[in-house]
Amino acid sequence: MTTTRVALVGGTGKLGGIIRAVIDETEGFEVVAVLGSASSLDELDGADLVVDASTPAVSIDVVRAAIERGINVLVGTSGWSSQRIALVRPLVDAAGTGAVFIPNFSLGSVIGSALAAASASFFPSIEIVETHRETKVDSPSGTAVRTAELIAGARAEVGPVESPHADQRARGQQVSSIPIHSLRRPGVVAKQETILSGPGESLTIVHDTIDPALAYAPGIRVALAAARDARGVTVGLDSLIDIGVRVPATRDPRPAPEGGVPGQVARATGA
């Protein structure tokens, strides 16, 4: 078996450390370079695959550098909305390379987002509350953005959700018409609640990440295998596995300025 040489950007961070541990345990992959904040992107040279676990501000430069070198890239960094991905899609297509964007490596999270999208056309009001540890620098989270975009795709025929008083800052940030509320606090890893409401009832879909290393490892392995041979742009773990729930395709908007698995719980509850 040919070994895939991996350049890991952000390998000293929390997610990067998990990814590196998975690569070290996965046959056919070898980490040949670990890039930190002081590293030059020239250190990507010689790699067969770039894995990006950096920061939203750095990530787009990493992706562009990989594409320019003709290297496939797997992006685990948060902050990649469909608008931002639209900026690099033409570059990926022109280079004949592959770029795989994974907002969340957790199977439970992906299923939760898929269930929210599958339910979206039945409820006029939908809001998302996402909670992460206080060290997460971006908000809303990439998972919440992806969930909102999937919901909007599922509501293409019925239109935007009802979100009264959306002009008030306390009502959250709207993504594809869905208000997203971001909490940053200690004592939590990651949690997302999608609250769908209609006359006389509500449905809350909750996903908790309890142990990231356990929760992300299976998804990382799937994403590594897919990214190695990918062509074009792929978004979401749901694009790589059959989760048994139909997830509506999201369409790229016009380019805008850049701006079971152990260890997790996914549940749907009616209230």
Foldseek 3Di string as FASTA:
>chain_A
DAAFEEAEEPLVDPVNVLLQVLQVVDPRYDYPHYHYPPDDLVVCPPGQEYEYQHELVCVVVNCLSCLVVLHFYEYQYKDCALLNVVVCQVSLQVSQAEYEYALALFPLLQVLLLVCLLCLQVFQAKAKEKEAAQPRDDPDTRSVLVSLLLNLLSCVPVDAHDQPPPVDVVSADDRSNHHYHYHHHPDFHMKMWMWGDHPPWIKIKIKGQQDRSQRRSVSSVQSVVQRSPGGTYHYHSCSRDPPPGDGGDGDRDPRDDSDVTPRMDIDMDMD
